[in-house]
Each structure stands twice: as C-alpha cells, then as structure tokens.
C-alpha cells in the first residue's frame, strides 16, 4: 500500500508540474510558496509562550464582571432567566420589553438574538449593551482565557498553532487549533488576553506590520490620484478616506469614522456584502 502511494505521488507530480507551467505559476510556487512552507513549519515547531498566571488572574477578574453583568441584566429585565438561551432572551427583549415592532425570526420561528440584531437595538434600551458585553466576556473566557492553558504542550509549555497557507480567499495566512489570529483587539478585554503572549527566555517579542500594503499596491496599479497623493504625503490613508467620506477635516476624524473608512477601502478590494 505504501509503495503504491509513493508511486502515485510521482504521477501526481507530473500533472501538477504541467498545471503550474500552463498557468504561469512556477515562479510563485518555487520562489514564494515552497520556501514559505519551511518558515511556517519552523514557526509551528517553535510555538509561543503563554503567561498562565496572568491568564488565571484575568479569568477570575472577568468571571466576577460576568456575574455583575448578570445581576444588572436580571434587574433591567425584571426577572431571572437564562441569558445564554436565545429563546428566553428573545422572549424578554421582544415580548416583555417590546424593543422593536418587527423582530427578525430564525427559520425555526424563534426570535433572532444574534449580534447583528442586537447591535441594531443598541440605543433602544440599556439592557442591550450589557448583554453584548456579557457575551464578549463569556467568549473570551471559554475560547481563550480558560482554553489556552489546556492547549499548551507539556514538553515545552508552549502553544503550537497551525498556520494555513492556502485556505483564505484573500491569500493571507490563517491560524487554527487554536486560532491565534482571531483574538479581539479593539476592546481592552481582548488586549489583556494578548498581553498573556510572552517571549521565551532570553528572547524578545517583536511586533511588525506592513503599512497598508494592499492599498499601496492598488494605488500603484490604478494610479488613482487621491490615493497616490495620500501615500506620497505620508498620510494615514484610512484617515484621509474618512475625511472625504464624512466631509470633515482630517484632524476632525474620530477613530469610529476611521474604522468605517477602513471598511470602505478594503471593501473596494475584497468586496463587502
């Protein structure tokens, strides 16, 4: 069986080589993707250290906050109920509190209480903000704070994620088992989780990022004057887009406006529904 499997690899190689040749992808494969796979293997093998004491301490802090939020939600709802039950939560929000005349329903006929639906109701009642925060904290606790220490390799006390080279539509890397690229950063609670990733002994942890690399490529390929000028003037491209979209001066652009402009800029490249 193994000999046959080995022989078939050579058959596959012939076909794959022809495909690479015919599609003009040989340089990309041999000069970019193949060398990168060795680098990713090394990264996976090296892993990352985690400050478990900091995570344990943060777990206690967040669980206390969750209990406090639960008490506030019960008081605002006027009764105790299972906040994690979409059915019970839907009854509270759309029947008892009647927060909207036309609540969206799922295929099963239940009230939809997903994040998008709750965000639409953000300013209708103070209970919404508390529920969203309750969910954020719970997700951080279950997905990262309590889960990461359990995923550490006992041999080196590190977490070894998988870096997926050819999974995303945009060509970026993705991370799985566990997904270390999905830890929230906009909220302080997410930043506190990220602080638990530390350097190995006698090493430092360095963070580096391309400066809007895709948008620079788009500016070069399209020769769009506004974009080119923004980059040549060393402007923050998202800020300058926000100033144009909202019709304000750059110094008046808020972080929220910048976030919206970022969606506009990347939406043009990747297509936002």
Protein backbone atom coordinates (compact mmCIF):
# COMPACT_ATOMS: atom_id res chain seq x y z
CA UNK A 1 0.00 0.00 0.00
CA UNK A 2 2.79 2.45 0.98
CA UNK A 3 4.82 1.63 -2.15
CA UNK A 4 1.76 2.24 -4.32
CA UNK A 5 1.03 5.53 -2.51
CA UNK A 6 4.65 6.59 -3.08
CA UNK A 7 4.47 5.73 -6.78
CA UNK A 8 1.25 7.72 -7.18
CA UNK A 9 2.97 10.82 -5.77
CA UNK A 10 5.23 10.85 -8.83
CA UNK A 11 2.18 10.55 -11.11
CA UNK A 12 0.56 13.50 -9.30
CA UNK A 13 3.81 15.47 -9.59
CA UNK A 14 3.74 15.20 -13.38
CA UNK A 15 0.20 16.57 -13.55
CA UNK A 16 0.82 19.33 -11.00
CA UNK A 17 4.02 20.45 -12.78
CA UNK A 18 2.08 20.76 -16.06
CA UNK A 19 -0.65 22.78 -14.31
CA UNK A 20 1.92 25.14 -12.76
CA UNK A 21 3.60 25.57 -16.15
CA UNK A 22 0.37 26.14 -18.07
CA UNK A 23 -0.93 28.69 -15.55
CA UNK A 24 2.35 30.59 -15.25
CA UNK A 25 2.64 29.79 -11.56
CA UNK A 26 6.06 28.12 -11.38
CA UNK A 27 7.85 31.20 -10.03
CA UNK A 28 5.15 31.79 -7.42
CA UNK A 29 5.29 28.16 -6.30
CA UNK A 30 9.07 27.67 -6.21
CA UNK A 31 10.15 31.19 -5.15
CA UNK A 32 7.34 32.13 -2.72
CA UNK A 33 5.04 29.33 -1.54
CA UNK A 34 7.56 26.49 -1.17
CA UNK A 35 10.18 28.49 0.81
CA UNK A 36 7.36 29.92 2.96
CA UNK A 37 6.14 26.43 3.94
CA UNK A 38 9.54 25.79 5.59
CA UNK A 39 9.28 29.05 7.52
CA UNK A 40 5.74 28.21 8.68
CA UNK A 41 6.85 24.74 9.78
CA UNK A 42 9.59 26.36 11.89
CA UNK A 43 7.07 28.80 13.40
CA UNK A 44 4.66 25.99 14.27
CA UNK A 45 7.52 23.97 15.78
CA UNK A 46 8.78 26.92 17.85
CA UNK A 47 5.34 27.79 19.25
CA UNK A 48 4.60 30.70 21.59
CA UNK A 49 4.90 31.08 25.36
CA UNK A 50 1.89 31.98 27.47
CA UNK A 51 1.79 33.64 30.87
CA UNK A 52 -0.65 31.21 32.53
CA UNK A 53 -0.58 33.07 35.86
CA UNK A 54 -1.74 36.26 34.16
CA UNK A 55 -4.50 34.34 32.34
CA UNK A 56 -5.70 32.67 35.54
CA UNK A 57 -5.82 36.02 37.30
CA UNK A 58 -7.66 37.59 34.38
CA UNK A 59 -10.11 34.67 34.35
CA UNK A 60 -11.09 35.43 37.97
CA UNK A 61 -11.49 39.15 37.14
CA UNK A 62 -13.67 38.53 34.07
CA UNK A 63 -15.85 35.91 35.78
CA UNK A 64 -16.59 38.47 38.52
CA UNK A 65 -17.54 41.00 35.83
CA UNK A 66 -19.81 38.41 34.16
CA UNK A 67 -21.64 37.80 37.46
CA UNK A 68 -22.05 41.57 37.99
CA UNK A 69 -23.40 41.98 34.45
CA UNK A 70 -25.79 39.08 35.01
CA UNK A 71 -27.22 40.84 38.10
CA UNK A 72 -27.70 44.10 36.15
CA UNK A 73 -29.36 42.27 33.21
CA UNK A 74 -31.78 40.47 35.56
CA UNK A 75 -32.67 43.82 37.19
CA UNK A 76 -33.27 45.53 33.82
CA UNK A 77 -35.33 42.54 32.61
CA UNK A 78 -37.34 42.44 35.84
CA UNK A 79 -36.74 38.69 36.26
CA UNK A 80 -34.10 35.97 36.25
CA UNK A 81 -33.67 33.96 33.05
CA UNK A 82 -31.01 32.08 31.07
CA UNK A 83 -29.13 34.83 29.19
CA UNK A 84 -27.42 32.18 27.02
CA UNK A 85 -30.78 30.82 25.83
CA UNK A 86 -31.79 32.59 22.56
CA UNK A 87 -35.40 31.52 23.19
CA UNK A 88 -35.60 33.02 26.70
CA UNK A 89 -33.61 36.12 25.71
CA UNK A 90 -35.87 36.67 22.69
CA UNK A 91 -38.98 36.49 24.89
CA UNK A 92 -37.52 39.09 27.27
CA UNK A 93 -36.38 41.53 24.55
CA UNK A 94 -39.21 41.26 22.05
CA UNK A 95 -42.27 40.22 24.10
CA UNK A 96 -41.74 41.59 27.61
CA UNK A 97 -39.69 44.72 26.77
CA UNK A 98 -41.08 45.03 23.21
CA UNK A 99 -37.90 46.67 21.87
CA UNK A 100 -38.99 46.56 18.22
CA UNK A 101 -42.23 46.18 16.27
CA UNK A 102 -40.70 43.85 13.69
CA UNK A 103 -38.27 41.45 15.38
CA UNK A 104 -36.37 39.18 12.99
CA UNK A 105 -37.04 35.46 13.34
CA UNK A 106 -34.93 32.39 12.60
CA UNK A 107 -36.03 29.54 10.30
CA UNK A 108 -37.39 27.69 13.33
CA UNK A 109 -39.66 30.65 14.14
CA UNK A 110 -37.61 31.77 17.14
CA UNK A 111 -36.64 35.41 17.73
CA UNK A 112 -33.15 36.12 16.37
CA UNK A 113 -30.80 37.37 19.07
CA UNK A 114 -27.50 37.26 17.18
CA UNK A 115 -25.00 40.09 17.49
CA UNK A 116 -26.12 41.90 14.32
CA UNK A 117 -29.72 42.04 15.53
CA UNK A 118 -28.71 43.23 19.00
CA UNK A 119 -26.47 45.96 17.56
CA UNK A 120 -29.49 47.37 15.69
CA UNK A 121 -31.20 47.78 19.08
CA UNK A 122 -28.17 49.26 20.85
CA UNK A 123 -29.78 52.63 21.64
CA UNK A 124 -33.27 51.37 22.43
CA UNK A 125 -32.60 50.00 25.93
CA UNK A 126 -29.59 49.84 28.32
CA UNK A 127 -30.01 46.05 28.62
CA UNK A 128 -28.57 45.58 25.08
CA UNK A 129 -25.11 46.96 25.87
CA UNK A 130 -24.92 44.79 28.98
CA UNK A 131 -25.89 41.65 27.03
CA UNK A 132 -23.28 42.36 24.32
CA UNK A 133 -20.58 42.87 26.97
CA UNK A 134 -21.74 39.73 28.83
CA UNK A 135 -21.31 37.72 25.61
CA UNK A 136 -17.89 39.26 24.82
CA UNK A 137 -16.54 38.33 28.26
CA UNK A 138 -18.01 34.83 28.12
CA UNK A 139 -16.48 34.18 24.69
CA UNK A 140 -13.06 35.41 25.85
CA UNK A 141 -13.23 33.15 28.90
CA UNK A 142 -14.36 29.98 27.08
CA UNK A 143 -12.42 30.39 23.81
CA UNK A 144 -9.14 31.83 25.07
CA UNK A 145 -8.59 32.54 28.77
CA UNK A 146 -9.59 29.12 30.12
CA UNK A 147 -8.85 27.19 26.89
CA UNK A 148 -5.32 28.33 26.01
CA UNK A 149 -3.56 26.88 29.09
CA UNK A 150 -5.15 23.49 28.28
CA UNK A 151 -3.66 23.61 24.76
CA UNK A 152 -0.08 24.07 25.94
CA UNK A 153 2.39 21.32 25.08
CA UNK A 154 3.59 19.76 28.33
CA UNK A 155 7.12 19.28 26.91
CA UNK A 156 7.89 22.97 26.36
CA UNK A 157 4.88 24.77 27.92
CA UNK A 158 4.13 26.48 24.62
CA UNK A 159 1.09 26.69 22.35
CA UNK A 160 1.69 25.36 18.81
CA UNK A 161 -0.88 26.66 16.34
CA UNK A 162 -1.28 25.52 12.70
CA UNK A 163 -0.58 28.17 10.06
CA UNK A 164 -2.72 27.52 6.98
CA UNK A 165 -1.01 28.65 3.81
CA UNK A 166 -3.72 28.15 1.19
CA UNK A 167 -7.06 28.44 2.98
CA UNK A 168 -8.16 32.11 2.85
CA UNK A 169 -9.69 33.64 -0.27
CA UNK A 170 -7.55 36.79 0.13
CA UNK A 171 -4.27 34.84 0.18
CA UNK A 172 -3.47 35.74 3.79
CA UNK A 173 -2.36 33.19 6.35
CA UNK A 174 -4.87 31.78 8.78
CA UNK A 175 -4.28 30.12 12.13
CA UNK A 176 -6.13 27.15 13.62
CA UNK A 177 -6.08 24.74 16.57
CA UNK A 178 -6.10 27.26 18.24
CA UNK A 179 -6.86 30.32 16.14
CA UNK A 180 -4.39 32.89 17.49
CA UNK A 181 -5.28 35.49 14.86
CA UNK A 182 -8.84 35.99 15.98
CA UNK A 183 -8.33 37.40 19.47
CA UNK A 184 -10.22 40.73 19.62
CA UNK A 185 -8.03 43.83 19.83
CA UNK A 186 -10.38 46.80 19.72
CA UNK A 187 -11.67 46.26 23.24
CA UNK A 188 -9.41 46.46 26.28
CA UNK A 189 -10.55 42.97 27.37
CA UNK A 190 -9.11 41.48 24.17
CA UNK A 191 -5.86 43.40 24.60
CA UNK A 192 -5.50 41.91 28.09
CA UNK A 193 -5.64 38.40 26.57
CA UNK A 194 -2.97 39.35 24.02
CA UNK A 195 -0.70 40.57 26.80
CA UNK A 196 -0.51 36.98 28.06
CA UNK A 197 1.56 36.01 24.99
CA UNK A 198 5.16 36.45 26.08
CA UNK A 199 8.68 35.87 24.75
CA UNK A 200 10.71 32.76 25.55
CA UNK A 201 13.63 33.11 27.98
CA UNK A 202 16.47 35.25 26.59
CA UNK A 203 14.25 36.35 23.70
CA UNK A 204 12.17 39.42 22.92
CA UNK A 205 8.73 39.56 21.32
CA UNK A 206 8.63 41.95 18.38
CA UNK A 207 5.55 43.16 16.54
CA UNK A 208 5.81 44.34 12.92
CA UNK A 209 3.23 45.15 10.29
CA UNK A 210 3.14 46.25 6.66
CA UNK A 211 1.77 49.76 6.28
CA UNK A 212 -1.43 49.23 4.23
CA UNK A 213 0.43 47.06 1.73
CA UNK A 214 -2.66 46.09 -0.33
CA UNK A 215 -3.78 49.70 -0.67
CA UNK A 216 -0.29 50.76 -1.77
CA UNK A 217 -0.43 48.08 -4.49
CA UNK A 218 -3.91 49.24 -5.52
CA UNK A 219 -2.68 52.86 -5.70
CA UNK A 220 0.28 51.79 -7.87
CA UNK A 221 -1.82 49.60 -10.18
CA UNK A 222 -4.71 52.04 -10.54
CA UNK A 223 -2.66 55.28 -10.47
CA UNK A 224 -5.59 56.85 -8.62
CA UNK A 225 -4.51 60.42 -7.85
CA UNK A 226 -6.03 60.81 -4.36
CA UNK A 227 -4.55 57.54 -3.11
CA UNK A 228 -1.14 58.24 -4.62
CA UNK A 229 -1.07 61.72 -3.10
CA UNK A 230 -2.08 60.39 0.33
CA UNK A 231 0.80 57.87 0.32
CA UNK A 232 3.34 60.35 -1.11
CA UNK A 233 2.40 62.81 1.67
CA UNK A 234 2.80 60.01 4.28
CA UNK A 235 -0.84 60.44 5.29
CA UNK A 236 -2.93 57.84 7.09
CA UNK A 237 -4.89 56.51 4.08
CA UNK A 238 -7.87 55.43 6.20
CA UNK A 239 -8.00 58.86 7.85
CA UNK A 240 -7.84 60.70 4.53
CA UNK A 241 -10.59 58.44 3.12
CA UNK A 242 -12.71 59.13 6.23
CA UNK A 243 -12.24 62.89 5.78
CA UNK A 244 -13.57 62.60 2.20
CA UNK A 245 -16.42 60.19 3.06
CA UNK A 246 -17.67 62.24 6.02
CA UNK A 247 -16.81 65.67 4.55
CA UNK A 248 -14.67 66.78 7.51
CA UNK A 249 -11.08 67.89 8.06
CA UNK A 250 -8.57 65.12 8.79
CA UNK A 251 -7.99 66.45 12.31
CA UNK A 252 -11.75 66.05 12.98
CA UNK A 253 -11.79 62.35 12.03
CA UNK A 254 -12.71 60.13 15.00
CA UNK A 255 -11.50 56.55 15.48
CA UNK A 256 -15.03 55.34 14.64
CA UNK A 257 -15.01 57.30 11.36
CA UNK A 258 -11.57 55.83 10.55
CA UNK A 259 -12.92 52.29 11.17
CA UNK A 260 -15.78 52.90 8.72
CA UNK A 261 -13.35 54.27 6.13
CA UNK A 262 -11.19 51.17 6.55
CA UNK A 263 -14.22 49.03 5.66
CA UNK A 264 -14.75 51.21 2.57
CA UNK A 265 -11.10 50.90 1.48
CA UNK A 266 -10.85 47.14 1.93
CA UNK A 267 -14.40 46.64 0.69
CA UNK A 268 -13.29 48.03 -2.66
CA UNK A 269 -10.50 45.45 -2.85
CA UNK A 270 -12.19 42.36 -1.48
CA UNK A 271 -15.87 43.08 -1.95
CA UNK A 272 -18.04 43.71 1.10
CA UNK A 273 -21.57 42.39 1.12
